[in-house]
Amino acid sequence: DHDPYGNKMERRAIQLGLKDEILEKFGKQQIKYIMDITDFVKEQKYYVDKKELDKLLVPIEHVISIEDEKLEMNIGITK
């Protein structure tokens, strides 16, 4: 995970990869609309460049707690 300036953060992010039938289903059935957000991204970059991070529009994120020790070991989670 990275902060708005691109610096690595201590917390970790998970990226899921889709392939085969799941990817095809996602691309053909679950995507309803594609939007050009170029202007929005440029506006957000302006706030980063001006060090006005309080003006950034960012998603609300939640930490997921996994209670299964075997699963934690399999995916490399350490507490």
N, C-alpha and C. Protein backbone atom coordinates (compact mmCIF):
# COMPACT_ATOMS: atom_id res chain seq x y z
N ASP A 1 0.85 -1.17 0.00
CA ASP A 1 0.00 0.00 0.00
C ASP A 1 0.89 1.23 0.00
N HIS A 2 0.42 2.32 -0.57
CA HIS A 2 1.21 3.55 -0.69
C HIS A 2 0.39 4.76 -0.27
N ASP A 3 1.09 5.78 0.22
CA ASP A 3 0.40 7.02 0.56
C ASP A 3 0.20 7.85 -0.71
N PRO A 4 -0.47 9.00 -0.63
CA PRO A 4 -0.73 9.79 -1.84
C PRO A 4 0.52 10.27 -2.58
N TYR A 5 1.67 10.25 -1.89
CA TYR A 5 2.92 10.67 -2.54
C TYR A 5 3.70 9.49 -3.13
N GLY A 6 3.14 8.29 -3.00
CA GLY A 6 3.78 7.11 -3.57
C GLY A 6 4.71 6.39 -2.62
N ASN A 7 4.83 6.85 -1.37
CA ASN A 7 5.69 6.20 -0.39
C ASN A 7 5.02 4.94 0.15
N LYS A 8 5.82 3.89 0.34
CA LYS A 8 5.28 2.65 0.88
C LYS A 8 4.82 2.86 2.31
N MET A 9 3.66 2.27 2.62
CA MET A 9 3.12 2.31 3.96
C MET A 9 3.39 0.99 4.66
N GLU A 10 3.31 1.00 5.99
CA GLU A 10 3.57 -0.21 6.75
C GLU A 10 2.46 -1.25 6.55
N ARG A 11 1.23 -0.78 6.38
CA ARG A 11 0.13 -1.73 6.19
C ARG A 11 0.23 -2.37 4.81
N ARG A 12 -0.42 -3.49 4.66
CA ARG A 12 -0.38 -4.25 3.40
C ARG A 12 -1.74 -4.22 2.74
N ALA A 13 -1.75 -4.24 1.43
CA ALA A 13 -2.99 -4.31 0.66
C ALA A 13 -3.00 -5.63 -0.10
N ILE A 14 -4.18 -6.15 -0.31
CA ILE A 14 -4.34 -7.40 -1.06
C ILE A 14 -4.92 -7.06 -2.43
N GLN A 15 -4.30 -7.61 -3.46
CA GLN A 15 -4.81 -7.45 -4.81
C GLN A 15 -5.25 -8.82 -5.29
N LEU A 16 -6.48 -8.92 -5.73
CA LEU A 16 -7.01 -10.20 -6.20
C LEU A 16 -6.94 -10.26 -7.72
N GLY A 17 -6.52 -11.38 -8.22
CA GLY A 17 -6.46 -11.57 -9.67
C GLY A 17 -7.59 -12.47 -10.13
N LEU A 18 -8.26 -12.07 -11.18
CA LEU A 18 -9.33 -12.88 -11.75
C LEU A 18 -8.84 -13.48 -13.06
N LYS A 19 -9.22 -14.72 -13.33
CA LYS A 19 -8.83 -15.33 -14.60
C LYS A 19 -9.88 -16.32 -15.06
N ASP A 20 -9.70 -16.71 -16.29
CA ASP A 20 -10.55 -17.72 -16.91
C ASP A 20 -12.03 -17.35 -16.87
N GLU A 21 -12.89 -18.28 -16.42
CA GLU A 21 -14.33 -18.05 -16.47
C GLU A 21 -14.76 -16.90 -15.57
N ILE A 22 -14.12 -16.75 -14.43
CA ILE A 22 -14.47 -15.67 -13.49
C ILE A 22 -14.21 -14.32 -14.14
N LEU A 23 -13.07 -14.17 -14.79
CA LEU A 23 -12.73 -12.92 -15.46
C LEU A 23 -13.71 -12.64 -16.60
N GLU A 24 -14.04 -13.67 -17.37
CA GLU A 24 -14.98 -13.49 -18.47
C GLU A 24 -16.36 -13.07 -17.95
N LYS A 25 -16.81 -13.71 -16.89
CA LYS A 25 -18.11 -13.35 -16.31
C LYS A 25 -18.09 -11.92 -15.79
N PHE A 26 -17.01 -11.55 -15.13
CA PHE A 26 -16.88 -10.19 -14.62
C PHE A 26 -16.94 -9.18 -15.76
N GLY A 27 -16.18 -9.44 -16.82
CA GLY A 27 -16.13 -8.51 -17.94
C GLY A 27 -17.41 -8.42 -18.74
N LYS A 28 -18.15 -9.50 -18.84
CA LYS A 28 -19.35 -9.51 -19.68
C LYS A 28 -20.65 -9.30 -18.91
N GLN A 29 -20.69 -9.66 -17.63
CA GLN A 29 -21.96 -9.61 -16.90
C GLN A 29 -21.98 -8.60 -15.76
N GLN A 30 -20.85 -8.40 -15.10
CA GLN A 30 -20.87 -7.60 -13.89
C GLN A 30 -20.50 -6.13 -14.10
N ILE A 31 -19.77 -5.81 -15.14
CA ILE A 31 -19.46 -4.41 -15.43
C ILE A 31 -20.68 -3.81 -16.11
N LYS A 32 -21.22 -2.78 -15.51
CA LYS A 32 -22.42 -2.14 -16.05
C LYS A 32 -22.11 -0.84 -16.78
N TYR A 33 -21.00 -0.19 -16.41
CA TYR A 33 -20.73 1.14 -16.96
C TYR A 33 -19.25 1.45 -16.78
N ILE A 34 -18.63 2.02 -17.77
CA ILE A 34 -17.24 2.49 -17.69
C ILE A 34 -17.25 4.00 -17.82
N MET A 35 -16.58 4.66 -16.88
CA MET A 35 -16.61 6.12 -16.83
C MET A 35 -15.19 6.68 -16.97
N ASP A 36 -15.06 7.73 -17.75
CA ASP A 36 -13.78 8.42 -17.89
C ASP A 36 -13.61 9.36 -16.69
N ILE A 37 -12.63 9.06 -15.81
CA ILE A 37 -12.42 9.88 -14.62
C ILE A 37 -11.12 10.70 -14.71
N THR A 38 -10.67 10.95 -15.92
CA THR A 38 -9.43 11.70 -16.13
C THR A 38 -9.44 13.05 -15.42
N ASP A 39 -10.50 13.80 -15.57
CA ASP A 39 -10.56 15.12 -14.93
C ASP A 39 -10.53 15.01 -13.41
N PHE A 40 -11.23 14.02 -12.86
CA PHE A 40 -11.21 13.79 -11.42
C PHE A 40 -9.80 13.47 -10.94
N VAL A 41 -9.09 12.60 -11.65
CA VAL A 41 -7.73 12.21 -11.27
C VAL A 41 -6.81 13.42 -11.33
N LYS A 42 -6.94 14.25 -12.35
CA LYS A 42 -6.12 15.46 -12.46
C LYS A 42 -6.37 16.39 -11.28
N GLU A 43 -7.63 16.51 -10.87
CA GLU A 43 -7.98 17.36 -9.73
C GLU A 43 -7.34 16.81 -8.45
N GLN A 44 -7.44 15.51 -8.26
CA GLN A 44 -6.85 14.90 -7.07
C GLN A 44 -5.33 15.06 -7.06
N LYS A 45 -4.70 14.92 -8.22
CA LYS A 45 -3.24 15.11 -8.33
C LYS A 45 -2.86 16.54 -7.98
N TYR A 46 -3.67 17.49 -8.37
CA TYR A 46 -3.43 18.90 -8.03
C TYR A 46 -3.37 19.07 -6.51
N TYR A 47 -4.31 18.43 -5.80
CA TYR A 47 -4.32 18.53 -4.34
C TYR A 47 -3.08 17.89 -3.72
N VAL A 48 -2.64 16.78 -4.29
CA VAL A 48 -1.42 16.13 -3.79
C VAL A 48 -0.23 17.05 -4.03
N ASP A 49 -0.13 17.61 -5.22
CA ASP A 49 1.00 18.50 -5.55
C ASP A 49 1.04 19.73 -4.65
N LYS A 50 -0.13 20.22 -4.26
CA LYS A 50 -0.23 21.41 -3.40
C LYS A 50 -0.20 21.06 -1.91
N LYS A 51 -0.02 19.75 -1.62
CA LYS A 51 -0.01 19.25 -0.25
C LYS A 51 -1.31 19.59 0.51
N GLU A 52 -2.42 19.50 -0.20
CA GLU A 52 -3.74 19.74 0.37
C GLU A 52 -4.50 18.41 0.47
N LEU A 53 -3.92 17.48 1.22
CA LEU A 53 -4.48 16.13 1.30
C LEU A 53 -5.86 16.10 1.94
N ASP A 54 -6.19 17.12 2.73
CA ASP A 54 -7.52 17.17 3.34
C ASP A 54 -8.62 17.33 2.29
N LYS A 55 -8.26 17.72 1.08
CA LYS A 55 -9.24 17.90 0.00
C LYS A 55 -9.39 16.66 -0.88
N LEU A 56 -8.55 15.65 -0.66
CA LEU A 56 -8.63 14.43 -1.46
C LEU A 56 -9.93 13.68 -1.17
N LEU A 57 -10.52 13.13 -2.20
CA LEU A 57 -11.67 12.24 -2.06
C LEU A 57 -11.16 10.81 -2.15
N VAL A 58 -11.19 10.11 -1.04
CA VAL A 58 -10.65 8.75 -0.99
C VAL A 58 -11.72 7.81 -0.45
N PRO A 59 -11.65 6.54 -0.83
CA PRO A 59 -12.65 5.58 -0.34
C PRO A 59 -12.44 5.29 1.15
N ILE A 60 -13.50 4.91 1.81
CA ILE A 60 -13.41 4.47 3.19
C ILE A 60 -12.97 3.01 3.17
N GLU A 61 -11.91 2.71 3.92
CA GLU A 61 -11.38 1.35 3.95
C GLU A 61 -11.55 0.77 5.34
N HIS A 62 -11.68 -0.55 5.40
CA HIS A 62 -11.83 -1.25 6.67
C HIS A 62 -10.82 -2.39 6.72
N VAL A 63 -10.23 -2.60 7.88
CA VAL A 63 -9.32 -3.72 8.08
C VAL A 63 -10.17 -4.95 8.36
N ILE A 64 -9.86 -6.02 7.66
CA ILE A 64 -10.58 -7.27 7.86
C ILE A 64 -9.76 -8.14 8.80
N SER A 65 -10.38 -8.61 9.84
CA SER A 65 -9.71 -9.48 10.81
C SER A 65 -10.05 -10.93 10.47
N ILE A 66 -9.01 -11.74 10.29
CA ILE A 66 -9.21 -13.15 9.97
C ILE A 66 -8.97 -13.96 11.25
N GLU A 67 -9.92 -14.79 11.59
CA GLU A 67 -9.86 -15.55 12.84
C GLU A 67 -9.44 -17.01 12.63
N ASP A 68 -9.09 -17.37 11.43
CA ASP A 68 -8.73 -18.76 11.10
C ASP A 68 -7.21 -18.85 10.99
N GLU A 69 -6.55 -19.51 11.96
CA GLU A 69 -5.09 -19.57 12.00
C GLU A 69 -4.50 -20.26 10.76
N LYS A 70 -5.15 -21.30 10.29
CA LYS A 70 -4.65 -22.02 9.10
C LYS A 70 -4.69 -21.10 7.88
N LEU A 71 -5.79 -20.37 7.72
CA LEU A 71 -5.91 -19.43 6.60
C LEU A 71 -4.85 -18.34 6.72
N GLU A 72 -4.65 -17.81 7.93
CA GLU A 72 -3.62 -16.79 8.14
C GLU A 72 -2.25 -17.30 7.70
N MET A 73 -1.93 -18.53 8.06
CA MET A 73 -0.64 -19.10 7.67
C MET A 73 -0.54 -19.26 6.16
N ASN A 74 -1.63 -19.73 5.54
CA ASN A 74 -1.63 -19.96 4.09
C ASN A 74 -1.42 -18.68 3.29
N ILE A 75 -1.97 -17.56 3.78
CA ILE A 75 -1.83 -16.32 3.02
C ILE A 75 -0.76 -15.38 3.59
N GLY A 76 -0.05 -15.85 4.62
CA GLY A 76 1.09 -15.10 5.14
C GLY A 76 0.75 -13.91 6.01
N ILE A 77 -0.37 -13.96 6.72
CA ILE A 77 -0.72 -12.87 7.64
C ILE A 77 0.02 -13.06 8.94
N THR A 78 0.65 -12.01 9.41
CA THR A 78 1.30 -12.04 10.72
C THR A 78 0.71 -10.95 11.58
N LYS A 79 0.59 -11.22 12.85
CA LYS A 79 0.03 -10.24 13.78
C LYS A 79 1.12 -9.63 14.63
